Amino acid sequence: MRVSEICTTDVVCCGPGATALEAARLMRQKHVGDVVIVSDPAGERVPLGVVTDRDLATDVLGNGRDAAIMPLSALARRPVVIAAESEDLHEVLERMRVHGVRRIPVVDSAGALVGIVTLDDLLGALLAEVQALLETTRRAQRHELSTRR
């Protein structure tokens, strides 16, 4: 399964000059736990980083920084970890594991943002695959029982 099949396409974005306070307000308004920092929010939207609600709590509030003046660009992890929309879920999951991230922006062939995939998205898709395997086993058992009577 390709990551483009399960990613969320309605991504909340900010420019690199946005403040932590602006990001927190956007997260609250849109009911999300992250914002993707992009080069041009109204244009191509090339991902530059991801800031999460946890980043705001630990790096801004936890350190006594002023969220109203703290630029998001100072909070984003570098380099940004991304996934191509054509990639397989297992490749993306491995990248998350290696980099220790739970969210990855998804880009098209030109590098423009098309979505975001979370660890929860991947777990749901993998669980569906496991359930399909279990159902295959159950059907095989039922078929065997019905043909041996």
C-alpha atoms as a PDB file:
ATOM      1  CA  MET A   1       0.000   0.000   0.000  1.00  0.00           C
ATOM      2  CA  ARG A   2       1.251   3.470  -0.879  1.00  0.00           C
ATOM      3  CA  VAL A   3       1.475   6.236   1.707  1.00  0.00           C
ATOM      4  CA  SER A   4      -0.685   8.464  -0.515  1.00  0.00           C
ATOM      5  CA  GLU A   5      -3.593   6.085   0.133  1.00  0.00           C
ATOM      6  CA  ILE A   6      -3.688   6.761   3.875  1.00  0.00           C
ATOM      7  CA  CYS A   7      -2.176  10.213   4.437  1.00  0.00           C
ATOM      8  CA  THR A   8      -4.236  13.179   5.580  1.00  0.00           C
ATOM      9  CA  THR A   9      -4.405  15.741   2.785  1.00  0.00           C
ATOM     10  CA  ASP A  10      -5.841  18.619   4.809  1.00  0.00           C
ATOM     11  CA  VAL A  11      -2.554  19.714   6.417  1.00  0.00           C
ATOM     12  CA  VAL A  12      -2.271  22.711   8.739  1.00  0.00           C
ATOM     13  CA  CYS A  13       0.685  24.824   7.603  1.00  0.00           C
ATOM     14  CA  CYS A  14       2.630  27.897   8.695  1.00  0.00           C
ATOM     15  CA  GLY A  15       5.478  29.865   7.210  1.00  0.00           C
ATOM     16  CA  PRO A  16       8.890  29.796   8.919  1.00  0.00           C
ATOM     17  CA  GLY A  17       8.342  33.267  10.374  1.00  0.00           C
ATOM     18  CA  ALA A  18       5.184  32.280  12.246  1.00  0.00           C
ATOM     19  CA  THR A  19       5.472  32.245  16.016  1.00  0.00           C
ATOM     20  CA  ALA A  20       4.931  29.417  18.452  1.00  0.00           C
ATOM     21  CA  LEU A  21       1.853  31.234  19.732  1.00  0.00           C
ATOM     22  CA  GLU A  22       0.374  31.445  16.223  1.00  0.00           C
ATOM     23  CA  ALA A  23       1.041  27.724  15.730  1.00  0.00           C
ATOM     24  CA  ALA A  24      -0.574  26.853  19.070  1.00  0.00           C
ATOM     25  CA  ARG A  25      -3.660  28.859  18.160  1.00  0.00           C
ATOM     26  CA  LEU A  26      -3.875  27.149  14.762  1.00  0.00           C
ATOM     27  CA  MET A  27      -3.556  23.729  16.369  1.00  0.00           C
ATOM     28  CA  ARG A  28      -6.355  24.586  18.788  1.00  0.00           C
ATOM     29  CA  GLN A  29      -8.585  26.039  16.061  1.00  0.00           C
ATOM     30  CA  LYS A  30      -8.052  23.095  13.687  1.00  0.00           C
ATOM     31  CA  HIS A  31      -7.984  20.410  16.419  1.00  0.00           C
ATOM     32  CA  VAL A  32      -4.603  19.000  15.369  1.00  0.00           C
ATOM     33  CA  GLY A  33      -1.381  18.193  17.189  1.00  0.00           C
ATOM     34  CA  ASP A  34       1.066  19.539  14.632  1.00  0.00           C
ATOM     35  CA  VAL A  35       1.772  22.152  11.981  1.00  0.00           C
ATOM     36  CA  VAL A  36       4.006  21.724   8.984  1.00  0.00           C
ATOM     37  CA  ILE A  37       6.346  24.636   8.365  1.00  0.00           C
ATOM     38  CA  VAL A  38       6.388  25.306   4.626  1.00  0.00           C
ATOM     39  CA  SER A  39       8.343  27.669   2.412  1.00  0.00           C
ATOM     40  CA  ASP A  40       5.249  29.437   1.102  1.00  0.00           C
ATOM     41  CA  PRO A  41       1.888  28.645   2.770  1.00  0.00           C
ATOM     42  CA  ALA A  42      -0.050  30.165  -0.135  1.00  0.00           C
ATOM     43  CA  GLY A  43       2.178  28.711  -2.869  1.00  0.00           C
ATOM     44  CA  GLU A  44       4.142  25.511  -3.448  1.00  0.00           C
ATOM     45  CA  ARG A  45       4.292  24.542   0.230  1.00  0.00           C
ATOM     46  CA  VAL A  46       7.673  22.802   0.331  1.00  0.00           C
ATOM     47  CA  PRO A  47       8.062  21.296   3.842  1.00  0.00           C
ATOM     48  CA  LEU A  48      10.797  22.829   5.981  1.00  0.00           C
ATOM     49  CA  GLY A  49       9.887  21.166   9.272  1.00  0.00           C
ATOM     50  CA  VAL A  50       7.185  19.940  11.612  1.00  0.00           C
ATOM     51  CA  VAL A  51       6.306  21.396  15.013  1.00  0.00           C
ATOM     52  CA  THR A  52       4.117  19.417  17.386  1.00  0.00           C
ATOM     53  CA  ASP A  53       2.090  20.317  20.449  1.00  0.00           C
ATOM     54  CA  ARG A  54       4.736  18.459  22.446  1.00  0.00           C
ATOM     55  CA  ASP A  55       7.460  20.693  20.981  1.00  0.00           C
ATOM     56  CA  LEU A  56       5.495  23.720  22.131  1.00  0.00           C
ATOM     57  CA  ALA A  57       5.017  22.304  25.611  1.00  0.00           C
ATOM     58  CA  THR A  58       8.586  21.119  26.169  1.00  0.00           C
ATOM     59  CA  ASP A  59      10.722  23.550  24.158  1.00  0.00           C
ATOM     60  CA  VAL A  60       8.740  26.750  24.608  1.00  0.00           C
ATOM     61  CA  LEU A  61       6.673  26.546  27.792  1.00  0.00           C
ATOM     62  CA  GLY A  62       9.001  24.128  29.564  1.00  0.00           C
ATOM     63  CA  ASN A  63      11.948  26.446  28.986  1.00  0.00           C
ATOM     64  CA  GLY A  64      10.077  29.631  29.904  1.00  0.00           C
ATOM     65  CA  ARG A  65      10.335  31.085  26.397  1.00  0.00           C
ATOM     66  CA  ASP A  66       7.926  33.695  25.095  1.00  0.00           C
ATOM     67  CA  ALA A  67       5.664  31.918  22.585  1.00  0.00           C
ATOM     68  CA  ALA A  68       4.594  35.259  21.103  1.00  0.00           C
ATOM     69  CA  ILE A  69       8.093  35.940  19.779  1.00  0.00           C
ATOM     70  CA  MET A  70       9.534  32.436  19.358  1.00  0.00           C
ATOM     71  CA  PRO A  71       9.762  31.650  15.608  1.00  0.00           C
ATOM     72  CA  LEU A  72       8.689  28.196  14.516  1.00  0.00           C
ATOM     73  CA  SER A  73      11.855  27.872  12.470  1.00  0.00           C
ATOM     74  CA  ALA A  74      13.800  27.726  15.769  1.00  0.00           C
ATOM     75  CA  LEU A  75      11.725  24.732  16.947  1.00  0.00           C
ATOM     76  CA  ALA A  76      11.746  22.572  13.831  1.00  0.00           C
ATOM     77  CA  ARG A  77      13.942  19.517  13.712  1.00  0.00           C
ATOM     78  CA  ARG A  78      16.491  19.605  10.904  1.00  0.00           C
ATOM     79  CA  PRO A  79      16.633  18.088   8.389  1.00  0.00           C
ATOM     80  CA  VAL A  80      12.936  17.541   7.870  1.00  0.00           C
ATOM     81  CA  VAL A  81      12.039  13.877   7.441  1.00  0.00           C
ATOM     82  CA  ILE A  82       9.677  13.451   4.478  1.00  0.00           C
ATOM     83  CA  ALA A  83       7.998  10.695   2.486  1.00  0.00           C
ATOM     84  CA  ALA A  84       7.246  10.552  -1.221  1.00  0.00           C
ATOM     85  CA  GLU A  85       3.588   9.908  -1.991  1.00  0.00           C
ATOM     86  CA  SER A  86       4.574   6.835  -4.026  1.00  0.00           C
ATOM     87  CA  GLU A  87       6.435   5.155  -1.150  1.00  0.00           C
ATOM     88  CA  ASP A  88       5.295   1.951   0.485  1.00  0.00           C
ATOM     89  CA  LEU A  89       3.988   2.125   4.064  1.00  0.00           C
ATOM     90  CA  HIS A  90       6.726  -0.167   5.315  1.00  0.00           C
ATOM     91  CA  GLU A  91       9.451   2.155   3.985  1.00  0.00           C
ATOM     92  CA  VAL A  92       7.854   5.129   5.722  1.00  0.00           C
ATOM     93  CA  LEU A  93       7.443   3.208   8.974  1.00  0.00           C
ATOM     94  CA  GLU A  94      11.142   2.304   8.902  1.00  0.00           C
ATOM     95  CA  ARG A  95      12.074   5.963   8.327  1.00  0.00           C
ATOM     96  CA  MET A  96       9.937   6.960  11.320  1.00  0.00           C
ATOM     97  CA  ARG A  97      11.709   4.359  13.437  1.00  0.00           C
ATOM     98  CA  VAL A  98      15.199   5.414  12.347  1.00  0.00           C
ATOM     99  CA  HIS A  99      14.532   9.125  12.924  1.00  0.00           C
ATOM    100  CA  GLY A 100      12.324   8.751  15.999  1.00  0.00           C
ATOM    101  CA  VAL A 101       9.404  10.748  14.592  1.00  0.00           C
ATOM    102  CA  ARG A 102       5.659  10.071  14.667  1.00  0.00           C
ATOM    103  CA  ARG A 103       4.607  12.353  11.815  1.00  0.00           C
ATOM    104  CA  ILE A 104       6.044  12.777   8.330  1.00  0.00           C
ATOM    105  CA  PRO A 105       5.018  15.255   5.621  1.00  0.00           C
ATOM    106  CA  VAL A 106       4.179  13.576   2.320  1.00  0.00           C
ATOM    107  CA  VAL A 107       5.383  15.266  -0.880  1.00  0.00           C
ATOM    108  CA  ASP A 108       4.779  14.886  -4.591  1.00  0.00           C
ATOM    109  CA  SER A 109       7.509  14.378  -7.206  1.00  0.00           C
ATOM    110  CA  ALA A 110       8.232  18.135  -7.218  1.00  0.00           C
ATOM    111  CA  GLY A 111       8.709  18.206  -3.433  1.00  0.00           C
ATOM    112  CA  ALA A 112       5.449  20.041  -2.695  1.00  0.00           C
ATOM    113  CA  LEU A 113       3.372  19.052   0.335  1.00  0.00           C
ATOM    114  CA  VAL A 114       0.394  16.815  -0.453  1.00  0.00           C
ATOM    115  CA  GLY A 115      -0.314  15.386   2.993  1.00  0.00           C
ATOM    116  CA  ILE A 116       0.948  14.163   6.320  1.00  0.00           C
ATOM    117  CA  VAL A 117       1.101  10.622   7.641  1.00  0.00           C
ATOM    118  CA  THR A 118       1.161   9.769  11.321  1.00  0.00           C
ATOM    119  CA  LEU A 119       2.188   6.709  13.240  1.00  0.00           C
ATOM    120  CA  ASP A 120      -1.511   6.170  14.027  1.00  0.00           C
ATOM    121  CA  ASP A 121      -2.295   6.178  10.285  1.00  0.00           C
ATOM    122  CA  LEU A 122       0.372   3.545   9.654  1.00  0.00           C
ATOM    123  CA  LEU A 123      -0.717   1.397  12.592  1.00  0.00           C
ATOM    124  CA  GLY A 124      -4.310   1.461  11.351  1.00  0.00           C
ATOM    125  CA  ALA A 125      -3.274   0.410   7.851  1.00  0.00           C
ATOM    126  CA  LEU A 126      -1.018  -2.351   9.147  1.00  0.00           C
ATOM    127  CA  LEU A 127      -3.754  -3.580  11.466  1.00  0.00           C
ATOM    128  CA  ALA A 128      -6.116  -3.789   8.488  1.00  0.00           C
ATOM    129  CA  GLU A 129      -3.516  -5.916   6.655  1.00  0.00           C
ATOM    130  CA  VAL A 130      -3.172  -8.240   9.655  1.00  0.00           C
ATOM    131  CA  GLN A 131      -6.961  -8.548   9.924  1.00  0.00           C
ATOM    132  CA  ALA A 132      -7.120  -9.458   6.218  1.00  0.00           C
ATOM    133  CA  LEU A 133      -4.530 -12.193   6.804  1.00  0.00           C
ATOM    134  CA  LEU A 134      -6.519 -13.548   9.734  1.00  0.00           C
ATOM    135  CA  GLU A 135      -9.684 -13.599   7.662  1.00  0.00           C
ATOM    136  CA  THR A 136      -7.845 -15.522   4.933  1.00  0.00           C
ATOM    137  CA  THR A 137      -6.852 -18.144   7.480  1.00  0.00           C
ATOM    138  CA  ARG A 138     -10.396 -18.388   8.852  1.00  0.00           C
ATOM    139  CA  ARG A 139     -11.877 -18.792   5.378  1.00  0.00           C
ATOM    140  CA  ALA A 140      -9.351 -21.469   4.519  1.00  0.00           C
ATOM    141  CA  GLN A 141     -10.286 -23.365   7.682  1.00  0.00           C
ATOM    142  CA  ARG A 142     -14.033 -23.051   6.967  1.00  0.00           C
ATOM    143  CA  HIS A 143     -13.486 -24.171   3.381  1.00  0.00           C
ATOM    144  CA  GLU A 144     -11.513 -27.186   4.544  1.00  0.00           C
ATOM    145  CA  LEU A 145     -14.180 -28.134   7.061  1.00  0.00           C
ATOM    146  CA  SER A 146     -16.969 -27.824   4.507  1.00  0.00           C
ATOM    147  CA  THR A 147     -15.215 -29.896   1.850  1.00  0.00           C
ATOM    148  CA  ARG A 148     -14.255 -32.769   4.188  1.00  0.00           C
ATOM    149  CA  ARG A 149     -17.772 -33.597   5.401  1.00  0.00           C
END
